[in-house]
Protein backbone atom coordinates (compact mmCIF):
# COMPACT_ATOMS: atom_id res chain seq x y z
CA UNK A 1 -0.13 -0.03 -0.02
CA UNK A 2 1.04 3.65 -0.69
CA UNK A 3 2.69 5.44 2.23
CA UNK A 4 1.12 8.64 0.77
CA UNK A 5 -2.27 8.79 -1.18
CA UNK A 6 -4.61 11.21 -2.60
CA UNK A 7 -7.92 9.87 -3.64
CA UNK A 8 -10.19 11.78 -5.64
CA UNK A 9 -13.59 11.42 -7.57
CA UNK A 10 -16.33 13.66 -8.82
CA UNK A 11 -18.25 16.05 -7.41
CA UNK A 12 -21.54 14.41 -7.51
CA UNK A 13 -23.31 10.73 -8.46
CA UNK A 14 -27.15 10.29 -8.63
CA UNK A 15 -28.03 6.85 -8.38
CA UNK A 16 -31.11 4.58 -8.37
CA UNK A 17 -34.02 3.20 -10.84
CA UNK A 18 -35.95 5.60 -12.74
CA UNK A 19 -33.47 8.22 -12.05
CA UNK A 20 -32.20 9.48 -15.57
CA UNK A 21 -35.44 11.85 -15.62
CA UNK A 22 -33.18 14.15 -13.46
CA UNK A 23 -31.39 14.54 -16.18
CA UNK A 24 -32.98 18.12 -16.91
CA UNK A 25 -32.42 19.23 -13.49
CA UNK A 26 -28.93 18.12 -13.46
CA UNK A 27 -28.22 19.84 -16.85
CA UNK A 28 -30.12 23.21 -14.88
CA UNK A 29 -28.01 23.15 -12.11
CA UNK A 30 -24.75 23.31 -14.40
CA UNK A 31 -26.58 26.28 -16.23
CA UNK A 32 -26.09 24.76 -19.95
CA UNK A 33 -28.17 25.63 -22.58
CA UNK A 34 -26.75 24.52 -25.89
CA UNK A 35 -26.27 20.53 -25.41
CA UNK A 36 -24.61 17.71 -26.84
CA UNK A 37 -25.66 14.17 -26.65
CA UNK A 38 -22.61 11.95 -27.87
CA UNK A 39 -23.43 8.35 -27.82
CA UNK A 40 -23.94 4.90 -30.31
CA UNK A 41 -26.26 3.92 -33.24
CA UNK A 42 -26.96 0.85 -30.41
CA UNK A 43 -28.04 3.16 -28.06
CA UNK A 44 -29.85 4.87 -30.98
CA UNK A 45 -31.84 2.47 -32.56
CA UNK A 46 -32.92 0.71 -28.79
CA UNK A 47 -34.49 4.22 -28.40
CA UNK A 48 -32.98 5.50 -25.23
CA UNK A 49 -30.91 8.68 -26.85
CA UNK A 50 -34.36 9.77 -28.23
CA UNK A 51 -36.42 8.94 -24.51
CA UNK A 52 -33.19 11.23 -23.45
CA UNK A 53 -33.19 13.98 -26.00
CA UNK A 54 -37.36 14.56 -25.52
CA UNK A 55 -36.61 14.80 -21.31
CA UNK A 56 -34.14 17.62 -22.72
CA UNK A 57 -37.03 18.91 -25.15
CA UNK A 58 -36.80 22.84 -23.65
CA UNK A 59 -33.64 22.53 -24.33
CA UNK A 60 -31.11 22.99 -28.01
CA UNK A 61 -29.56 19.98 -28.18
CA UNK A 62 -27.31 18.26 -31.15
CA UNK A 63 -26.07 14.58 -31.32
CA UNK A 64 -23.15 12.89 -32.37
CA UNK A 65 -24.07 9.09 -32.69
CA UNK A 66 -20.78 7.39 -34.21
CA UNK A 67 -18.42 6.18 -31.26
CA UNK A 68 -17.77 2.14 -32.30
CA UNK A 69 -16.48 0.18 -29.60
CA UNK A 70 -12.89 0.96 -28.57
CA UNK A 71 -13.13 4.12 -30.22
CA UNK A 72 -10.43 5.24 -32.27
CA UNK A 73 -8.64 8.61 -32.35
CA UNK A 74 -10.05 9.96 -35.40
CA UNK A 75 -13.69 9.83 -33.72
CA UNK A 76 -12.82 11.64 -30.93
CA UNK A 77 -11.57 14.09 -33.31
CA UNK A 78 -14.74 14.29 -34.96
CA UNK A 79 -16.43 14.41 -31.72
CA UNK A 80 -14.51 17.44 -30.76
CA UNK A 81 -15.00 19.02 -34.20
CA UNK A 82 -19.03 18.58 -33.71
CA UNK A 83 -18.78 20.14 -29.96
CA UNK A 84 -16.61 22.97 -31.72
CA UNK A 85 -18.73 23.98 -34.42
CA UNK A 86 -21.63 23.47 -32.47
CA UNK A 87 -20.67 26.09 -29.51
CA UNK A 88 -22.08 23.12 -26.88
CA UNK A 89 -21.94 24.77 -23.37
CA UNK A 90 -22.55 21.30 -22.28
CA UNK A 91 -21.41 17.46 -23.08
CA UNK A 92 -23.65 14.55 -21.90
CA UNK A 93 -22.32 10.91 -22.15
CA UNK A 94 -24.95 8.53 -23.04
CA UNK A 95 -23.58 5.01 -23.07
CA UNK A 96 -20.73 2.42 -22.23
CA UNK A 97 -17.48 3.39 -21.83
CA UNK A 98 -16.57 4.26 -24.99
CA UNK A 99 -19.25 6.55 -25.93
CA UNK A 100 -18.12 7.99 -22.28
CA UNK A 101 -14.75 8.59 -23.07
CA UNK A 102 -15.41 10.41 -26.03
CA UNK A 103 -18.29 12.36 -24.35
CA UNK A 104 -15.15 13.58 -21.26
CA UNK A 105 -12.84 13.85 -24.64
CA UNK A 106 -14.91 15.93 -26.33
CA UNK A 107 -15.93 18.09 -23.06
CA UNK A 108 -12.11 18.54 -22.72
CA UNK A 109 -10.90 18.92 -26.33
CA UNK A 110 -13.41 21.91 -26.66
CA UNK A 111 -11.66 24.03 -24.90
CA UNK A 112 -8.10 23.62 -25.41
CA UNK A 113 -7.33 23.90 -29.01
CA UNK A 114 -5.26 21.49 -31.89
CA UNK A 115 -4.82 17.80 -32.34
CA UNK A 116 -6.49 15.21 -30.16
CA UNK A 117 -2.65 13.37 -29.69
CA UNK A 118 -1.40 16.32 -28.15
CA UNK A 119 -2.85 15.57 -25.11
CA UNK A 120 -1.79 12.23 -25.06
CA UNK A 121 -0.58 10.92 -21.48
CA UNK A 122 -0.81 12.26 -17.52
CA UNK A 123 -1.55 16.18 -17.56
CA UNK A 124 -1.52 17.25 -20.71
CA UNK A 125 -4.62 19.14 -20.97
CA UNK A 126 -4.16 22.85 -19.94
CA UNK A 127 -7.26 24.44 -19.82
CA UNK A 128 -10.63 23.18 -18.23
CA UNK A 129 -13.33 21.73 -20.03
CA UNK A 130 -17.13 22.33 -20.18
CA UNK A 131 -19.50 20.88 -18.08
CA UNK A 132 -20.67 17.10 -18.09
CA UNK A 133 -22.70 14.87 -17.28
CA UNK A 134 -22.08 11.12 -17.67
CA UNK A 135 -24.64 8.51 -18.01
CA UNK A 136 -23.47 5.04 -18.44
CA UNK A 137 -25.50 2.21 -20.18
CA UNK A 138 -23.13 -0.74 -19.17
CA UNK A 139 -21.61 -2.22 -16.10
CA UNK A 140 -17.92 -2.22 -16.64
CA UNK A 141 -15.94 0.99 -16.77
CA UNK A 142 -16.55 2.87 -14.33
CA UNK A 143 -15.65 5.48 -16.78
CA UNK A 144 -18.49 7.98 -15.26
CA UNK A 145 -16.30 8.81 -12.37
CA UNK A 146 -12.49 8.49 -13.58
CA UNK A 147 -10.27 11.04 -15.27
CA UNK A 148 -9.56 8.75 -17.65
CA UNK A 149 -10.12 8.44 -21.41
CA UNK A 150 -8.08 5.33 -23.22
CA UNK A 151 -8.41 5.94 -27.59
CA UNK A 152 -7.12 3.20 -30.40
CA UNK A 153 -4.55 4.60 -32.61
CA UNK A 154 -5.59 2.39 -35.76
CA UNK A 155 -2.22 3.22 -37.44
CA UNK A 156 0.37 2.47 -34.76
CA UNK A 157 -2.12 -0.72 -33.40
CA UNK A 158 -2.13 0.40 -29.97
CA UNK A 159 -4.22 2.36 -27.16
CA UNK A 160 -2.99 5.14 -25.46
CA UNK A 161 -4.87 7.08 -22.93
CA UNK A 162 -5.43 10.76 -22.13
CA UNK A 163 -5.40 11.64 -18.17
CA UNK A 164 -6.86 14.75 -17.16
CA UNK A 165 -8.30 15.84 -13.42
CA UNK A 166 -10.28 17.92 -16.41
CA UNK A 167 -12.17 14.67 -17.64
CA UNK A 168 -13.37 14.10 -14.42
CA UNK A 169 -17.37 14.74 -15.28
CA UNK A 170 -18.99 16.99 -13.15
CA UNK A 171 -22.38 14.50 -12.62
CA UNK A 172 -22.80 10.76 -13.31
CA UNK A 173 -26.50 9.62 -13.29
CA UNK A 174 -26.59 5.63 -12.57
CA UNK A 175 -29.94 4.59 -13.18
CA UNK A 176 -29.84 0.36 -13.56
CA UNK A 177 -33.50 0.33 -15.98
CA UNK A 178 -31.01 1.62 -18.94
CA UNK A 179 -29.17 -1.81 -18.20
CA UNK A 180 -32.31 -3.91 -18.83
CA UNK A 181 -32.21 -4.60 -22.68
CA UNK A 182 -27.93 -5.62 -22.15
CA UNK A 183 -27.24 -8.74 -24.52
CA UNK A 184 -25.73 -11.62 -22.57
CA UNK A 185 -22.49 -11.06 -23.73
CA UNK A 186 -21.95 -7.95 -23.24
CA UNK A 187 -23.14 -8.14 -19.85
CA UNK A 188 -20.62 -10.58 -19.09
CA UNK A 189 -17.34 -9.35 -20.60
CA UNK A 190 -18.37 -5.46 -19.33
CA UNK A 191 -18.81 -7.42 -15.93
CA UNK A 192 -15.65 -8.70 -15.81
CA UNK A 193 -13.85 -5.94 -17.36
CA UNK A 194 -15.02 -4.12 -13.76
CA UNK A 195 -13.84 -7.29 -11.65
CA UNK A 196 -10.32 -6.28 -13.34
CA UNK A 197 -10.46 -2.70 -12.40
CA UNK A 198 -10.93 -3.95 -8.93
CA UNK A 199 -8.75 -7.08 -8.77
CA UNK A 200 -5.76 -4.65 -10.56
CA UNK A 201 -7.03 -1.98 -7.79
CA UNK A 202 -7.14 -4.33 -4.78
CA UNK A 203 -3.22 -4.81 -5.58
CA UNK A 204 -2.06 -2.14 -6.55
CA UNK A 205 1.06 -0.71 -5.46
CA UNK A 206 -1.54 2.52 -5.11
CA UNK A 207 -3.75 1.31 -3.03
CA UNK A 208 -5.17 3.32 -0.20
CA UNK A 209 -7.90 2.54 2.50
CA UNK A 210 -10.48 4.01 0.57
CA UNK A 211 -9.37 2.62 -2.96
CA UNK A 212 -9.45 -1.12 -0.48
CA UNK A 213 -12.64 -0.51 0.86
CA UNK A 214 -14.25 0.34 -2.87
CA UNK A 215 -12.16 -2.65 -4.62
CA UNK A 216 -13.68 -5.01 -1.80
CA UNK A 217 -16.68 -4.54 -2.39
CA UNK A 218 -17.10 -4.47 -5.78
CA UNK A 219 -15.40 -7.84 -5.62
CA UNK A 220 -17.82 -9.37 -3.60
CA UNK A 221 -20.66 -7.81 -5.30
CA UNK A 222 -19.74 -9.12 -9.33
CA UNK A 223 -19.19 -12.15 -7.86
CA UNK A 224 -22.38 -12.55 -5.84
CA UNK A 225 -24.68 -11.24 -8.91
CA UNK A 226 -22.76 -11.43 -12.37
CA UNK A 227 -24.14 -14.94 -13.56
CA UNK A 228 -27.84 -13.06 -12.67
CA UNK A 229 -27.65 -10.57 -14.59
CA UNK A 230 -26.07 -12.44 -17.31
CA UNK A 231 -28.34 -15.85 -17.91
CA UNK A 232 -31.11 -13.30 -16.36
CA UNK A 233 -30.58 -10.13 -17.28
CA UNK A 234 -34.45 -8.85 -16.04
CA UNK A 235 -33.85 -9.03 -12.60
CA UNK A 236 -33.14 -5.55 -11.91
CA UNK A 237 -32.06 -6.73 -8.88
CA UNK A 238 -29.40 -8.33 -10.30
CA UNK A 239 -28.23 -5.12 -12.72
CA UNK A 240 -28.68 -2.61 -9.87
CA UNK A 241 -25.95 -4.67 -7.61
CA UNK A 242 -23.60 -4.57 -11.26
CA UNK A 243 -24.03 -1.46 -11.24
CA UNK A 244 -23.13 -0.13 -8.42
CA UNK A 245 -20.08 -3.28 -8.70
CA UNK A 246 -18.97 -0.83 -11.32
CA UNK A 247 -18.92 2.40 -9.84
CA UNK A 248 -17.49 1.03 -6.95
CA UNK A 249 -14.53 -0.73 -9.09
CA UNK A 250 -13.82 3.07 -11.10
CA UNK A 251 -13.89 5.05 -7.36
CA UNK A 252 -11.53 2.20 -6.73
CA UNK A 253 -9.08 2.10 -9.84
CA UNK A 254 -10.04 5.84 -10.04
CA UNK A 255 -6.62 6.25 -7.47
CA UNK A 256 -5.24 3.25 -7.33
CA UNK A 257 -4.88 2.77 -10.87
CA UNK A 258 -4.36 -0.58 -13.31
CA UNK A 259 -1.86 -2.64 -13.88
CA UNK A 260 -0.68 -5.32 -16.46
CA UNK A 261 -4.05 -6.86 -17.60
CA UNK A 262 -5.14 -3.16 -18.66
CA UNK A 263 -1.12 -3.15 -19.55
CA UNK A 264 -1.52 -5.79 -21.99
CA UNK A 265 -4.99 -5.66 -23.09
CA UNK A 266 -4.65 -2.42 -24.72
CA UNK A 267 -1.74 -3.63 -27.07
CA UNK A 268 -4.32 -6.55 -27.22
CA UNK A 269 -7.36 -4.35 -28.45
CA UNK A 270 -4.97 -2.34 -30.82
CA UNK A 271 -2.78 -5.19 -33.18
CA UNK A 272 -5.99 -7.34 -32.84
CA UNK A 273 -9.30 -5.18 -32.21
CA UNK A 274 -10.04 -7.97 -29.05
CA UNK A 275 -13.10 -5.83 -27.57
CA UNK A 276 -11.68 -3.96 -24.59
CA UNK A 277 -13.51 -6.19 -21.42
CA UNK A 278 -12.80 -9.53 -23.26
CA UNK A 279 -9.17 -8.49 -23.48
CA UNK A 280 -9.06 -7.67 -19.63
CA UNK A 281 -11.26 -11.30 -18.79
CA UNK A 282 -8.77 -13.70 -20.91
CA UNK A 283 -5.59 -12.04 -19.84
CA UNK A 284 -7.04 -11.46 -16.10
CA UNK A 285 -6.52 -15.10 -14.62
CA UNK A 286 -2.98 -15.30 -16.21
CA UNK A 287 -1.68 -12.27 -15.08
CA UNK A 288 -3.09 -12.69 -11.24
CA UNK A 289 -0.48 -15.94 -11.63
CA UNK A 290 2.77 -14.74 -12.68
CA UNK A 291 1.75 -11.77 -9.68
CA UNK A 292 0.55 -14.03 -7.06
CA UNK A 293 3.54 -13.94 -5.15
CA UNK A 294 4.38 -10.48 -4.56
CA UNK A 295 0.40 -10.30 -2.89
CA UNK A 296 -0.43 -13.28 -1.26
CA UNK A 297 -2.39 -12.14 1.37
CA UNK A 298 -4.48 -9.69 -0.71
CA UNK A 299 -5.20 -12.35 -3.66
CA UNK A 300 -6.41 -14.10 -0.66
CA UNK A 301 -8.51 -11.13 0.40
CA UNK A 302 -9.73 -11.50 -2.60
CA UNK A 303 -10.38 -15.25 -2.84
CA UNK A 304 -12.98 -14.34 0.21
CA UNK A 305 -14.33 -11.59 -1.33
CA UNK A 306 -15.30 -14.38 -4.10
CA UNK A 307 -16.57 -16.57 -1.72
CA UNK A 308 -14.01 -19.31 -1.25
CA UNK A 309 -13.34 -20.83 1.23
CA UNK A 310 -10.14 -20.44 2.52
CA UNK A 311 -9.38 -20.76 6.52
CA UNK A 312 -8.24 -24.32 6.49
CA UNK A 313 -5.82 -23.26 3.81
CA UNK A 314 -2.30 -21.86 3.48
CA UNK A 315 -1.54 -18.42 2.76
CA UNK A 316 -0.06 -19.31 -1.04
CA UNK A 317 -3.30 -21.84 -1.38
CA UNK A 318 -5.53 -19.03 -0.29
CA UNK A 319 -4.05 -16.98 -2.46
CA UNK A 320 -4.54 -19.94 -5.74
CA UNK A 321 -8.03 -19.58 -4.25
CA UNK A 322 -8.70 -16.48 -6.38
CA UNK A 323 -7.33 -16.96 -9.92
CA UNK A 324 -9.58 -20.10 -9.69
CA UNK A 325 -12.61 -18.25 -8.40
CA UNK A 326 -11.89 -15.94 -11.51
CA UNK A 327 -11.69 -18.89 -14.00
CA UNK A 328 -14.76 -20.62 -12.68
CA UNK A 329 -16.63 -17.20 -13.09
CA UNK A 330 -15.17 -16.53 -16.64
CA UNK A 331 -16.44 -20.29 -18.19
CA UNK A 332 -19.45 -19.83 -16.14
CA UNK A 333 -20.40 -16.94 -17.95
CA UNK A 334 -18.73 -18.09 -21.54
CA UNK A 335 -15.55 -15.68 -21.79
CA UNK A 336 -12.84 -17.64 -23.78
CA UNK A 337 -10.03 -19.24 -22.24
CA UNK A 338 -7.19 -18.60 -24.37
CA UNK A 339 -5.90 -15.89 -26.31
CA UNK A 340 -6.17 -19.14 -29.18
CA UNK A 341 -9.69 -18.56 -28.68
CA UNK A 342 -9.82 -14.52 -30.05
CA UNK A 343 -7.77 -16.04 -33.12
CA UNK A 344 -4.50 -14.75 -31.44
CA UNK A 345 -1.62 -15.94 -33.11
CA UNK A 346 1.37 -17.44 -31.12
CA UNK A 347 3.88 -15.74 -33.52
CA UNK A 348 2.51 -12.42 -32.12
CA UNK A 349 3.99 -12.77 -28.15
CA UNK A 350 7.19 -10.54 -28.67
CA UNK A 351 5.32 -7.61 -29.93
CA UNK A 352 2.43 -7.24 -27.46
CA UNK A 353 4.92 -7.98 -24.54
CA UNK A 354 7.24 -4.83 -26.32
CA UNK A 355 3.97 -2.63 -26.47
CA UNK A 356 3.11 -4.11 -23.32
CA UNK A 357 6.66 -2.34 -21.95
CA UNK A 358 6.22 0.94 -22.59
CA UNK A 359 2.73 0.99 -21.14
CA UNK A 360 3.97 3.25 -17.63
CA UNK A 361 1.12 4.15 -16.35
CA UNK A 362 -0.06 -0.22 -15.85
CA UNK A 363 3.99 -0.63 -14.90
CA UNK A 364 3.99 1.45 -11.89
CA UNK A 365 1.13 0.10 -9.76
CA UNK A 366 1.96 -3.52 -11.00
CA UNK A 367 2.85 -5.57 -7.32
CA UNK A 368 5.29 -7.61 -9.48
CA UNK A 369 7.97 -6.11 -11.24
CA UNK A 370 7.12 -5.72 -14.96
CA UNK A 371 10.44 -7.06 -16.57
CA UNK A 372 10.11 -7.70 -21.13
CA UNK A 373 10.60 -11.76 -19.68
CA UNK A 374 7.66 -11.78 -17.41
CA UNK A 375 5.55 -10.53 -20.00
CA UNK A 376 6.29 -13.23 -22.70
CA UNK A 377 5.93 -15.81 -19.90
CA UNK A 378 1.91 -14.37 -18.88
CA UNK A 379 1.87 -14.21 -22.68
CA UNK A 380 2.71 -17.79 -23.75
CA UNK A 381 0.65 -18.49 -20.14
CA UNK A 382 -2.70 -17.27 -21.92
CA UNK A 383 -1.59 -19.99 -25.00
CA UNK A 384 -3.06 -23.46 -24.94
CA UNK A 385 0.09 -25.64 -23.98
């Protein structure tokens, strides 16, 4: 655990069933008048974007609906240009993590001229953003409460992030009713993404009491409710639990950071277009197994949070139960086990490891010292023997 810690988050979270109806109140509180809704075509076709637009009928509203999964830097640039051209004074992000990341960038960069690439990295955004309200429609990224946006750099076949206090939302509205139509496969992948955030935050070198509390609670809630949310998607209790768990995981990793699951998932997504949640899900047990010796007591805590009985086991055996519990959960909800299952070739290992070694933001918090050979070993273990 870090000896000196800082916990950061957003100032206002509205949480509860049906609370999307309070969106106009939040817009009024933030004195918005000309609004840009950022969303994707799935939510447009599902009628959710139209419902939100109707809630805001008394305002001047435009909509950007072209966000794709794992959004490219070009999509962000197009959304920023739309925001600048429209003269918007408030941005509403409505969607999963990809949409929220684009919306946060648009709100921030409308006041920061130049190319989006100039702002990649940590604290590169100088000017404050216009107000922004985030409305998640998946339970996975926790992007509604973080200061991070992850973007795909297609030409380099990798992903990089923008990290800035100006990406923090001014408000988030978490309404579990918006998740009721989410497909099982998306529920599974995003749920495992949230679990990855919580586990990596708990074993992070930057962990602290607040992030520990949020991380352990998130792990417990996901372990208890993800299977139900996947296989009985109309269960509003399971949906609400998962949405809260995703929030808690976001609050945890927003300050404690993530480790080398994310550090390898980003090149995996960039080079082979593997969806972020799936990349994290497949890599999670393999990275946990490699990290285990550096945080045995913490992994034992994770096993307990996932419902494992470890009282009569050694410390190492108890820690190993965390890995097997993650593997069992992934298997139960249909997550692929190996990189082979994602059509990733074995000869990509060295390129993925090299790219992973460039991700200092994930290397530093990882509980075990990261080396190129170590990453190669993790990736080799993530293929079938």
